C-alpha atoms as a PDB file:
ATOM      1  CA  MET A   1      86.074  43.129 228.576  1.00  0.00           C
ATOM      2  CA  ASP A   2      86.518  43.609 224.767  1.00  0.00           C
ATOM      3  CA  GLU A   3      84.640  45.953 222.620  1.00  0.00           C
ATOM      4  CA  MET A   4      82.514  43.285 221.310  1.00  0.00           C
ATOM      5  CA  THR A   5      81.820  41.846 224.456  1.00  0.00           C
ATOM      6  CA  GLU A   6      80.861  45.480 225.557  1.00  0.00           C
ATOM      7  CA  ASP A   7      78.626  46.147 222.695  1.00  0.00           C
ATOM      8  CA  ILE A   8      76.691  42.539 224.019  1.00  0.00           C
ATOM      9  CA  PHE A   9      76.007  43.681 227.103  1.00  0.00           C
ATOM     10  CA  ASP A  10      75.048  47.281 226.461  1.00  0.00           C
ATOM     11  CA  GLU A  11      71.664  47.917 227.123  1.00  0.00           C
ATOM     12  CA  LYS A  12      71.199  51.155 224.598  1.00  0.00           C
ATOM     13  CA  LYS A  13      72.238  49.545 221.703  1.00  0.00           C
ATOM     14  CA  ILE A  14      70.415  46.535 222.378  1.00  0.00           C
ATOM     15  CA  LYS A  15      67.231  48.366 222.427  1.00  0.00           C
ATOM     16  CA  THR A  16      68.104  49.955 219.317  1.00  0.00           C
ATOM     17  CA  ALA A  17      68.769  46.886 217.883  1.00  0.00           C
ATOM     18  CA  ILE A  18      64.977  45.836 218.675  1.00  0.00           C
ATOM     19  CA  LYS A  19      63.430  48.798 217.449  1.00  0.00           C
ATOM     20  CA  LYS A  20      65.373  48.615 214.289  1.00  0.00           C
ATOM     21  CA  GLY A  21      64.377  44.953 213.553  1.00  0.00           C
ATOM     22  CA  LYS A  22      60.535  46.077 214.598  1.00  0.00           C
ATOM     23  CA  ARG A  23      60.373  48.797 212.292  1.00  0.00           C
ATOM     24  CA  LYS A  24      61.919  46.691 209.589  1.00  0.00           C
ATOM     25  CA  THR A  25      59.370  43.875 210.285  1.00  0.00           C
ATOM     26  CA  ILE A  26      56.467  46.393 210.453  1.00  0.00           C
ATOM     27  CA  LEU A  27      57.606  47.387 207.417  1.00  0.00           C
ATOM     28  CA  THR A  28      58.091  44.477 205.661  1.00  0.00           C
ATOM     29  CA  ILE A  29      54.424  43.291 207.103  1.00  0.00           C
ATOM     30  CA  VAL A  30      52.457  46.610 205.762  1.00  0.00           C
ATOM     31  CA  PHE A  31      54.478  46.215 202.193  1.00  0.00           C
ATOM     32  CA  ILE A  32      53.647  42.452 201.879  1.00  0.00           C
ATOM     33  CA  SER A  33      49.634  43.740 203.154  1.00  0.00           C
ATOM     34  CA  ILE A  34      49.974  46.396 200.215  1.00  0.00           C
ATOM     35  CA  ILE A  35      50.435  43.814 197.623  1.00  0.00           C
ATOM     36  CA  VAL A  36      48.342  40.933 198.626  1.00  0.00           C
ATOM     37  CA  PHE A  37      45.819  43.716 199.175  1.00  0.00           C
ATOM     38  CA  VAL A  38      46.455  45.117 195.662  1.00  0.00           C
ATOM     39  CA  SER A  39      46.853  41.282 193.892  1.00  0.00           C
ATOM     40  CA  LEU A  40      43.561  40.532 195.799  1.00  0.00           C
ATOM     41  CA  ASN A  41      41.390  43.541 194.495  1.00  0.00           C
ATOM     42  CA  ILE A  42      43.210  42.420 190.946  1.00  0.00           C
ATOM     43  CA  VAL A  43      41.774  39.214 191.107  1.00  0.00           C
ATOM     44  CA  ASN A  44      38.448  40.307 192.474  1.00  0.00           C
ATOM     45  CA  PHE A  45      37.894  42.912 189.624  1.00  0.00           C
ATOM     46  CA  ALA A  46      38.869  40.893 187.450  1.00  0.00           C
ATOM     47  CA  THR A  47      36.741  37.905 188.736  1.00  0.00           C
ATOM     48  CA  TYR A  48      33.807  40.248 188.742  1.00  0.00           C
ATOM     49  CA  ALA A  49      34.259  41.906 185.361  1.00  0.00           C
ATOM     50  CA  TYR A  50      34.560  38.775 183.369  1.00  0.00           C
ATOM     51  CA  PHE A  51      31.438  36.859 185.129  1.00  0.00           C
ATOM     52  CA  SER A  52      29.459  40.178 185.139  1.00  0.00           C
ATOM     53  CA  GLN A  53      30.175  40.142 181.247  1.00  0.00           C
ATOM     54  CA  LYS A  54      29.021  36.320 180.884  1.00  0.00           C
ATOM     55  CA  ALA A  55      25.816  37.024 182.978  1.00  0.00           C
ATOM     56  CA  PHE A  56      24.508  40.075 181.163  1.00  0.00           C
ATOM     57  CA  LYS A  57      24.980  38.020 177.332  1.00  0.00           C
ATOM     58  CA  GLN A  58      23.187  35.097 179.012  1.00  0.00           C
ATOM     59  CA  TRP A  59      20.535  37.176 180.194  1.00  0.00           C
ATOM     60  CA  ASP A  60      20.298  39.205 177.364  1.00  0.00           C
ATOM     61  CA  ALA A  61      19.910  36.023 175.271  1.00  0.00           C
ATOM     62  CA  TYR A  62      17.145  34.838 177.522  1.00  0.00           C
ATOM     63  CA  VAL A  63      14.775  38.107 177.218  1.00  0.00           C
ATOM     64  CA  ARG A  64      15.573  38.791 173.642  1.00  0.00           C
ATOM     65  CA  LEU A  65      14.195  34.818 172.762  1.00  0.00           C
ATOM     66  CA  SER A  66      11.239  35.192 175.461  1.00  0.00           C
ATOM     67  CA  THR A  67      10.048  39.033 174.726  1.00  0.00           C
ATOM     68  CA  PRO A  68       9.158  39.387 171.564  1.00  0.00           C
ATOM     69  CA  ASN A  69      11.483  42.287 170.081  1.00  0.00           C
ATOM     70  CA  GLY A  70      12.770  42.784 174.108  1.00  0.00           C
ATOM     71  CA  TYR A  71      16.028  43.387 174.786  1.00  0.00           C
ATOM     72  CA  ILE A  72      18.041  44.459 177.770  1.00  0.00           C
ATOM     73  CA  SER A  73      18.435  48.325 178.044  1.00  0.00           C
ATOM     74  CA  GLU A  74      20.222  49.270 181.147  1.00  0.00           C
ATOM     75  CA  THR A  75      22.221  47.401 183.669  1.00  0.00           C
ATOM     76  CA  VAL A  76      23.727  48.359 187.035  1.00  0.00           C
ATOM     77  CA  ASP A  77      25.782  45.980 188.487  1.00  0.00           C
ATOM     78  CA  THR A  78      27.050  46.340 192.250  1.00  0.00           C
ATOM     79  CA  SER A  79      30.232  44.400 192.850  1.00  0.00           C
ATOM     80  CA  GLY A  80      30.479  41.971 196.260  1.00  0.00           C
ATOM     81  CA  ILE A  81      33.659  39.568 196.547  1.00  0.00           C
ATOM     82  CA  LEU A  82      34.212  36.919 193.362  1.00  0.00           C
ATOM     83  CA  GLY A  83      30.445  37.952 191.743  1.00  0.00           C
ATOM     84  CA  GLY A  84      27.901  40.873 192.381  1.00  0.00           C
ATOM     85  CA  GLU A  85      24.305  41.740 191.534  1.00  0.00           C
ATOM     86  CA  SER A  86      22.776  43.503 188.307  1.00  0.00           C
ATOM     87  CA  GLN A  87      19.881  45.542 188.287  1.00  0.00           C
ATOM     88  CA  TYR A  88      18.327  45.446 184.967  1.00  0.00           C
ATOM     89  CA  LYS A  89      15.695  47.092 182.488  1.00  0.00           C
ATOM     90  CA  VAL A  90      14.143  45.153 180.045  1.00  0.00           C
ATOM     91  CA  SER A  91      12.697  47.686 176.918  1.00  0.00           C
ATOM     92  CA  LYS A  92      10.762  46.669 174.255  1.00  0.00           C
ATOM     93  CA  ASP A  93      10.618  47.894 170.706  1.00  0.00           C
ATOM     94  CA  MET A  94       7.380  49.081 169.381  1.00  0.00           C
ATOM     95  CA  LYS A  95       8.398  49.817 165.856  1.00  0.00           C
ATOM     96  CA  ILE A  96       8.492  53.652 165.874  1.00  0.00           C
ATOM     97  CA  LYS A  97      10.326  54.043 169.438  1.00  0.00           C
ATOM     98  CA  SER A  98      11.175  51.803 172.267  1.00  0.00           C
ATOM     99  CA  LEU A  99       9.751  51.523 175.744  1.00  0.00           C
ATOM    100  CA  VAL A 100      10.789  50.273 179.313  1.00  0.00           C
ATOM    101  CA  ILE A 101       8.693  47.484 180.281  1.00  0.00           C
ATOM    102  CA  GLU A 102      10.148  46.403 183.332  1.00  0.00           C
ATOM    103  CA  GLN A 103      12.697  45.978 185.863  1.00  0.00           C
ATOM    104  CA  ASN A 104      14.307  42.666 187.548  1.00  0.00           C
ATOM    105  CA  GLN A 105      17.665  41.538 188.920  1.00  0.00           C
ATOM    106  CA  TYR A 106      20.302  38.595 188.415  1.00  0.00           C
ATOM    107  CA  LYS A 107      23.304  37.628 190.294  1.00  0.00           C
ATOM    108  CA  PHE A 108      26.518  36.532 189.055  1.00  0.00           C
ATOM    109  CA  GLY A 109      29.955  35.253 190.127  1.00  0.00           C
ATOM    110  CA  VAL A 110      31.320  32.621 192.309  1.00  0.00           C
ATOM    111  CA  ASN A 111      29.988  34.245 195.377  1.00  0.00           C
ATOM    112  CA  PRO A 112      26.601  36.506 194.284  1.00  0.00           C
ATOM    113  CA  SER A 113      25.637  39.017 196.303  1.00  0.00           C
ATOM    114  CA  THR A 114      22.981  38.339 198.820  1.00  0.00           C
ATOM    115  CA  SER A 115      19.885  40.537 198.835  1.00  0.00           C
ATOM    116  CA  ILE A 116      16.338  40.835 199.741  1.00  0.00           C
ATOM    117  CA  SER A 117      13.297  41.894 197.607  1.00  0.00           C
ATOM    118  CA  ARG A 118       9.711  41.992 198.594  1.00  0.00           C
ATOM    119  CA  GLY A 119       6.647  42.816 196.670  1.00  0.00           C
ATOM    120  CA  ALA A 120       2.716  41.536 196.071  1.00  0.00           C
ATOM    121  CA  GLY A 121       0.591  41.148 192.972  1.00  0.00           C
ATOM    122  CA  GLY A 122      -2.925  40.389 192.120  1.00  0.00           C
ATOM    123  CA  SER A 123      -4.347  37.795 190.409  1.00  0.00           C
ATOM    124  CA  ILE A 124      -6.475  38.350 186.989  1.00  0.00           C
ATOM    125  CA  ALA A 125      -9.387  36.400 186.066  1.00  0.00           C
ATOM    126  CA  VAL A 126      -9.122  33.117 188.603  1.00  0.00           C
ATOM    127  CA  THR A 127     -12.936  32.450 188.567  1.00  0.00           C
ATOM    128  CA  GLY A 128     -13.070  31.023 185.621  1.00  0.00           C
ATOM    129  CA  GLU A 129     -14.965  33.862 183.584  1.00  0.00           C
ATOM    130  CA  ASP A 130     -12.254  35.507 181.993  1.00  0.00           C
ATOM    131  CA  TRP A 131      -8.814  34.642 180.900  1.00  0.00           C
ATOM    132  CA  GLN A 132      -6.384  34.279 183.325  1.00  0.00           C
ATOM    133  CA  LYS A 133      -4.400  37.215 181.970  1.00  0.00           C
ATOM    134  CA  THR A 134      -0.816  38.564 183.343  1.00  0.00           C
ATOM    135  CA  TYR A 135       0.430  41.984 182.757  1.00  0.00           C
ATOM    136  CA  LYS A 136       3.920  43.641 182.673  1.00  0.00           C
ATOM    137  CA  GLU A 137       5.101  46.073 185.265  1.00  0.00           C
ATOM    138  CA  ASN A 138       3.980  48.740 183.013  1.00  0.00           C
ATOM    139  CA  GLY A 139       0.623  47.551 182.538  1.00  0.00           C
ATOM    140  CA  TRP A 140       1.035  46.247 179.381  1.00  0.00           C
ATOM    141  CA  ARG A 141      -0.786  42.586 178.853  1.00  0.00           C
ATOM    142  CA  ASP A 142       1.636  39.885 178.025  1.00  0.00           C
ATOM    143  CA  LEU A 143       0.959  37.956 174.842  1.00  0.00           C
ATOM    144  CA  MET A 144      -1.118  34.868 174.549  1.00  0.00           C
ATOM    145  CA  PHE A 145       0.181  32.368 172.118  1.00  0.00           C
ATOM    146  CA  PHE A 146      -2.254  28.520 170.989  1.00  0.00           C
ATOM    147  CA  HIS A 147      -0.216  25.973 169.511  1.00  0.00           C
ATOM    148  CA  PRO A 148      -1.722  24.604 166.163  1.00  0.00           C
ATOM    149  CA  SER A 149      -0.877  21.010 166.873  1.00  0.00           C
ATOM    150  CA  VAL A 150      -3.099  21.614 169.813  1.00  0.00           C
ATOM    151  CA  THR A 151      -6.918  21.800 170.141  1.00  0.00           C
ATOM    152  CA  TYR A 152      -8.128  24.242 172.524  1.00  0.00           C
ATOM    153  CA  GLN A 153     -11.315  24.969 174.134  1.00  0.00           C
ATOM    154  CA  LYS A 154     -11.645  28.272 172.933  1.00  0.00           C
ATOM    155  CA  TYR A 155      -9.630  30.975 171.301  1.00  0.00           C
ATOM    156  CA  LYS A 156      -8.332  34.616 171.959  1.00  0.00           C
ATOM    157  CA  HIS A 157      -9.862  37.042 169.388  1.00  0.00           C
ATOM    158  CA  ASP A 158      -8.849  41.010 170.411  1.00  0.00           C
ATOM    159  CA  GLU A 159      -9.453  42.607 167.111  1.00  0.00           C
ATOM    160  CA  ASP A 160     -12.652  43.783 168.510  1.00  0.00           C
ATOM    161  CA  LEU A 161     -10.893  45.195 171.508  1.00  0.00           C
ATOM    162  CA  ILE A 162      -8.546  46.958 168.866  1.00  0.00           C
ATOM    163  CA  ASN A 163     -11.767  48.414 166.746  1.00  0.00           C
ATOM    164  CA  GLN A 164     -12.678  50.158 170.632  1.00  0.00           C
ATOM    165  CA  MET A 165     -10.074  51.856 171.073  1.00  0.00           C
ATOM    166  CA  GLY A 166      -9.824  55.769 169.786  1.00  0.00           C
ATOM    167  CA  GLY A 167      -7.041  57.458 168.453  1.00  0.00           C
ATOM    168  CA  ASN A 168      -3.953  56.960 166.278  1.00  0.00           C
ATOM    169  CA  LYS A 169      -2.056  54.091 168.159  1.00  0.00           C
ATOM    170  CA  ILE A 170       0.167  51.258 167.388  1.00  0.00           C
ATOM    171  CA  TYR A 171      -0.783  47.868 168.434  1.00  0.00           C
ATOM    172  CA  GLU A 172       1.191  45.155 169.247  1.00  0.00           C
ATOM    173  CA  MET A 173      -0.505  42.233 168.190  1.00  0.00           C
ATOM    174  CA  ALA A 174       0.416  38.361 168.632  1.00  0.00           C
ATOM    175  CA  LEU A 175      -1.186  35.505 166.175  1.00  0.00           C
ATOM    176  CA  SER A 176      -1.240  32.336 166.146  1.00  0.00           C
ATOM    177  CA  PHE A 177      -1.577  30.125 162.619  1.00  0.00           C
ATOM    178  CA  ASP A 178      -4.125  27.454 161.971  1.00  0.00           C
ATOM    179  CA  LYS A 179      -1.271  24.967 161.678  1.00  0.00           C
ATOM    180  CA  PRO A 180       2.604  25.313 161.497  1.00  0.00           C
ATOM    181  CA  TYR A 181       3.971  26.734 158.190  1.00  0.00           C
ATOM    182  CA  LYS A 182       7.372  26.769 156.646  1.00  0.00           C
ATOM    183  CA  GLN A 183       8.612  30.525 155.486  1.00  0.00           C
ATOM    184  CA  ARG A 184       8.131  29.577 151.777  1.00  0.00           C
ATOM    185  CA  GLU A 185       4.548  28.041 152.350  1.00  0.00           C
ATOM    186  CA  LEU A 186       3.594  31.032 154.160  1.00  0.00           C
ATOM    187  CA  PRO A 187       0.068  32.496 152.260  1.00  0.00           C
ATOM    188  CA  LEU A 188       0.759  36.530 153.050  1.00  0.00           C
ATOM    189  CA  TYR A 189       2.977  37.837 151.025  1.00  0.00           C
ATOM    190  CA  GLU A 190       3.968  40.589 152.609  1.00  0.00           C
ATOM    191  CA  LEU A 191       4.510  41.321 156.301  1.00  0.00           C
ATOM    192  CA  PRO A 192       5.489  44.252 158.173  1.00  0.00           C
ATOM    193  CA  ALA A 193       8.711  45.776 159.076  1.00  0.00           C
ATOM    194  CA  MET A 194       9.411  44.092 162.457  1.00  0.00           C
ATOM    195  CA  THR A 195       7.745  41.319 162.584  1.00  0.00           C
ATOM    196  CA  TRP A 196       8.602  38.414 165.074  1.00  0.00           C
ATOM    197  CA  PHE A 197       8.214  34.730 164.312  1.00  0.00           C
ATOM    198  CA  TRP A 198       7.442  32.437 166.828  1.00  0.00           C
ATOM    199  CA  VAL A 199       9.213  29.432 166.260  1.00  0.00           C
ATOM    200  CA  ASN A 200       8.301  25.518 166.829  1.00  0.00           C
ATOM    201  CA  THR A 201      10.511  24.698 169.582  1.00  0.00           C
ATOM    202  CA  TYR A 202       8.673  22.128 171.353  1.00  0.00           C
ATOM    203  CA  SER A 203       9.415  18.655 171.905  1.00  0.00           C
ATOM    204  CA  GLY A 204       7.154  15.564 171.525  1.00  0.00           C
ATOM    205  CA  ASN A 205       6.783  15.854 175.193  1.00  0.00           C
ATOM    206  CA  GLN A 206       5.475  18.971 175.702  1.00  0.00           C
ATOM    207  CA  LEU A 207       3.234  19.019 173.091  1.00  0.00           C
ATOM    208  CA  GLU A 208       1.338  16.203 174.862  1.00  0.00           C
ATOM    209  CA  THR A 209       1.677  18.017 178.269  1.00  0.00           C
ATOM    210  CA  PHE A 210       0.017  21.298 175.995  1.00  0.00           C
ATOM    211  CA  ARG A 211      -2.997  18.593 174.649  1.00  0.00           C
ATOM    212  CA  GLN A 212      -3.452  17.059 178.353  1.00  0.00           C
ATOM    213  CA  GLU A 213      -3.870  20.276 179.787  1.00  0.00           C
ATOM    214  CA  ALA A 214      -6.054  22.063 177.115  1.00  0.00           C
ATOM    215  CA  THR A 215      -8.556  18.960 177.623  1.00  0.00           C
ATOM    216  CA  GLU A 216      -8.217  18.585 181.338  1.00  0.00           C
ATOM    217  CA  ASN A 217      -7.714  22.490 182.517  1.00  0.00           C
ATOM    218  CA  ASP A 218     -10.408  25.311 182.334  1.00  0.00           C
ATOM    219  CA  TRP A 219     -10.346  26.949 179.240  1.00  0.00           C
ATOM    220  CA  THR A 220      -8.953  29.952 180.763  1.00  0.00           C
ATOM    221  CA  SER A 221      -5.725  29.267 181.263  1.00  0.00           C
ATOM    222  CA  THR A 222      -4.901  26.624 178.738  1.00  0.00           C
ATOM    223  CA  PHE A 223      -2.646  29.185 176.264  1.00  0.00           C
ATOM    224  CA  ILE A 224       1.395  29.444 175.747  1.00  0.00           C
ATOM    225  CA  ARG A 225       2.370  32.721 178.007  1.00  0.00           C
ATOM    226  CA  GLU A 226       4.303  35.315 176.414  1.00  0.00           C
ATOM    227  CA  ASN A 227       7.714  34.056 178.174  1.00  0.00           C
ATOM    228  CA  ASP A 228       7.109  30.430 177.268  1.00  0.00           C
ATOM    229  CA  ALA A 229       7.232  31.055 173.057  1.00  0.00           C
ATOM    230  CA  LEU A 230      10.279  31.294 171.218  1.00  0.00           C
ATOM    231  CA  GLY A 231      11.584  33.223 168.164  1.00  0.00           C
ATOM    232  CA  PHE A 232      13.056  36.037 166.605  1.00  0.00           C
ATOM    233  CA  SER A 233      12.568  39.038 164.683  1.00  0.00           C
ATOM    234  CA  VAL A 234      12.997  40.428 161.482  1.00  0.00           C
ATOM    235  CA  ASN A 235      13.677  44.760 161.119  1.00  0.00           C
ATOM    236  CA  SER A 236      12.460  44.952 157.656  1.00  0.00           C
ATOM    237  CA  PRO A 237       9.425  44.104 155.363  1.00  0.00           C
ATOM    238  CA  ILE A 238       9.019  40.649 154.920  1.00  0.00           C
ATOM    239  CA  PHE A 239       8.300  38.658 151.635  1.00  0.00           C
ATOM    240  CA  SER A 240       7.773  34.795 151.290  1.00  0.00           C
ATOM    241  CA  THR A 241      10.542  34.846 148.708  1.00  0.00           C
ATOM    242  CA  ILE A 242      12.855  36.150 151.544  1.00  0.00           C
ATOM    243  CA  GLN A 243      15.661  33.820 153.222  1.00  0.00           C
ATOM    244  CA  LEU A 244      15.877  33.576 157.059  1.00  0.00           C
ATOM    245  CA  ASP A 245      19.033  32.086 157.410  1.00  0.00           C
ATOM    246  CA  HIS A 246      21.238  34.960 159.237  1.00  0.00           C
ATOM    247  CA  GLU A 247      18.195  35.516 161.728  1.00  0.00           C
ATOM    248  CA  TYR A 248      17.809  31.413 162.279  1.00  0.00           C
ATOM    249  CA  LYS A 249      21.426  31.226 162.899  1.00  0.00           C
ATOM    250  CA  ASP A 250      21.711  34.346 165.582  1.00  0.00           C
ATOM    251  CA  PHE A 251      18.314  32.904 166.750  1.00  0.00           C
ATOM    252  CA  LEU A 252      20.312  29.189 167.440  1.00  0.00           C
ATOM    253  CA  ASN A 253      23.247  31.165 169.222  1.00  0.00           C
ATOM    254  CA  LEU A 254      21.133  32.622 171.508  1.00  0.00           C
ATOM    255  CA  LEU A 255      19.650  29.446 172.590  1.00  0.00           C
ATOM    256  CA  LYS A 256      22.606  28.205 173.385  1.00  0.00           C
ATOM    257  CA  MET A 257      24.041  31.237 175.244  1.00  0.00           C
ATOM    258  CA  SER A 258      20.816  31.865 177.456  1.00  0.00           C
ATOM    259  CA  VAL A 259      20.790  31.263 181.019  1.00  0.00           C
ATOM    260  CA  SER A 260      17.307  29.299 180.671  1.00  0.00           C
ATOM    261  CA  GLN A 261      17.870  25.399 180.878  1.00  0.00           C
ATOM    262  CA  ASP A 262      14.490  25.213 178.898  1.00  0.00           C
ATOM    263  CA  HIS A 263      16.059  27.297 176.013  1.00  0.00           C
ATOM    264  CA  GLY A 264      18.997  24.922 176.210  1.00  0.00           C
ATOM    265  CA  LYS A 265      16.449  21.857 175.597  1.00  0.00           C
ATOM    266  CA  ALA A 266      15.211  23.894 172.811  1.00  0.00           C
ATOM    267  CA  TYR A 267      18.405  24.191 171.065  1.00  0.00           C
ATOM    268  CA  ASP A 268      19.129  20.427 171.204  1.00  0.00           C
ATOM    269  CA  THR A 269      15.624  19.795 169.547  1.00  0.00           C
ATOM    270  CA  MET A 270      16.486  22.837 166.890  1.00  0.00           C
ATOM    271  CA  LYS A 271      20.205  22.006 165.961  1.00  0.00           C
ATOM    272  CA  ASN A 272      19.676  19.797 163.160  1.00  0.00           C
ATOM    273  CA  VAL A 273      16.573  21.765 161.863  1.00  0.00           C
ATOM    274  CA  ASN A 274      17.769  23.633 158.802  1.00  0.00           C
ATOM    275  CA  SER A 275      16.336  26.967 158.104  1.00  0.00           C
ATOM    276  CA  ASP A 276      14.468  25.753 155.007  1.00  0.00           C
ATOM    277  CA  ASP A 277      12.630  23.008 157.057  1.00  0.00           C
ATOM    278  CA  LEU A 278      11.695  25.375 160.021  1.00  0.00           C
ATOM    279  CA  GLU A 279       8.192  25.568 161.396  1.00  0.00           C
ATOM    280  CA  ILE A 280       6.767  29.080 161.936  1.00  0.00           C
ATOM    281  CA  LEU A 281       3.437  28.950 164.634  1.00  0.00           C
ATOM    282  CA  GLY A 282       2.682  32.400 164.299  1.00  0.00           C
ATOM    283  CA  ILE A 283       3.809  35.902 164.482  1.00  0.00           C
ATOM    284  CA  VAL A 284       3.718  39.385 166.386  1.00  0.00           C
ATOM    285  CA  ILE A 285       3.018  42.410 164.420  1.00  0.00           C
ATOM    286  CA  TYR A 286       2.988  46.089 164.759  1.00  0.00           C
ATOM    287  CA  GLY A 287       0.773  48.610 163.445  1.00  0.00           C
ATOM    288  CA  THR A 288      -2.259  50.890 163.116  1.00  0.00           C
ATOM    289  CA  LYS A 289      -5.682  49.337 163.075  1.00  0.00           C
ATOM    290  CA  ASP A 290      -5.827  49.541 159.152  1.00  0.00           C
ATOM    291  CA  GLU A 291      -2.019  48.258 158.644  1.00  0.00           C
ATOM    292  CA  LEU A 292      -2.884  44.998 161.028  1.00  0.00           C
ATOM    293  CA  ALA A 293      -6.501  44.606 159.791  1.00  0.00           C
ATOM    294  CA  ASP A 294      -5.593  42.727 156.741  1.00  0.00           C
ATOM    295  CA  ILE A 295      -3.458  40.105 158.117  1.00  0.00           C
ATOM    296  CA  ILE A 296      -5.825  39.373 161.392  1.00  0.00           C
ATOM    297  CA  LYS A 297      -8.698  38.460 159.088  1.00  0.00           C
ATOM    298  CA  ASN A 298      -6.416  36.179 157.091  1.00  0.00           C
ATOM    299  CA  PRO A 299      -7.938  32.511 157.001  1.00  0.00           C
ATOM    300  CA  ILE A 300      -4.445  31.572 158.349  1.00  0.00           C
ATOM    301  CA  VAL A 301      -4.894  33.373 162.287  1.00  0.00           C
ATOM    302  CA  LYS A 302      -6.772  31.030 164.490  1.00  0.00           C
ATOM    303  CA  ALA A 303      -5.798  33.783 167.439  1.00  0.00           C
ATOM    304  CA  SER A 304      -4.734  37.072 168.338  1.00  0.00           C
ATOM    305  CA  SER A 305      -3.706  38.670 171.285  1.00  0.00           C
ATOM    306  CA  LEU A 306      -3.252  41.893 172.503  1.00  0.00           C
ATOM    307  CA  GLY A 307       0.015  43.113 174.031  1.00  0.00           C
ATOM    308  CA  GLY A 308       1.333  46.795 174.403  1.00  0.00           C
ATOM    309  CA  VAL A 309      -0.359  49.961 172.792  1.00  0.00           C
ATOM    310  CA  ILE A 310       1.246  53.162 172.190  1.00  0.00           C
ATOM    311  CA  ASP A 311       0.583  56.653 170.723  1.00  0.00           C
ATOM    312  CA  ASN A 312       1.770  56.860 167.118  1.00  0.00           C
ATOM    313  CA  TYR A 313       3.955  60.162 167.367  1.00  0.00           C
END
């Protein structure tokens, strides 16, 4: 028997060769598994980071549009597989300082995280004896707006409520006008720093719905809630001669970016409207009793709604 034949039938050498083959196979599998694991994690992280940033921009646009002087002040993201979930805080700029008004969450990605939240809330003024007000998590009232092209059975007037409050406070007040005004037509020569403009983004069908609701429904519920009033803020003193081109351009960009389909429809309504032809339906202003008094008493103010109140320090 030659040497090659002996090697073939040598049991020890056969076992050694098998062990070497197994080790090589195991090492190959481990190496490939590591490569696949690292690659999948890189892909997952890149996907998570992309959708996380995209979702933040969309939701921040939504908040900035539908919460006067509101913005997302903090997010905490939890990653999942090709997606995740973000816990976020909404803050509101109250002229002299910002405060957190509520916390919420949104999901994002190809495979968003699954979570369950529970809560219970109460109804305010459901008896038809008072306005059906809603409140933010921090206890502030949601602002109420009244479209000037709709005739309501009753209008909100909160200036007396301000006068009843003591102490040196900063008040947030939404003022609805008696008719739509272009910026150059506003009979308010100067407005305070940080004025939020309520813009007429409503289609003809929406206005017809508002008119029908105002006629058929109880007066306590026929108004436009804060989240359904869209607008933008100017953080410097406003004069009647000032141009709002820059702010309006940013407003249109936010409408396109927002996660809300309603905001997308509003963009379609507004995209061909120039800033000079922009219709202003009302404003949200901030200040002390004395600072707000003259503006609230102006004949163009049809309704007033109190929102947040903070100490002036």
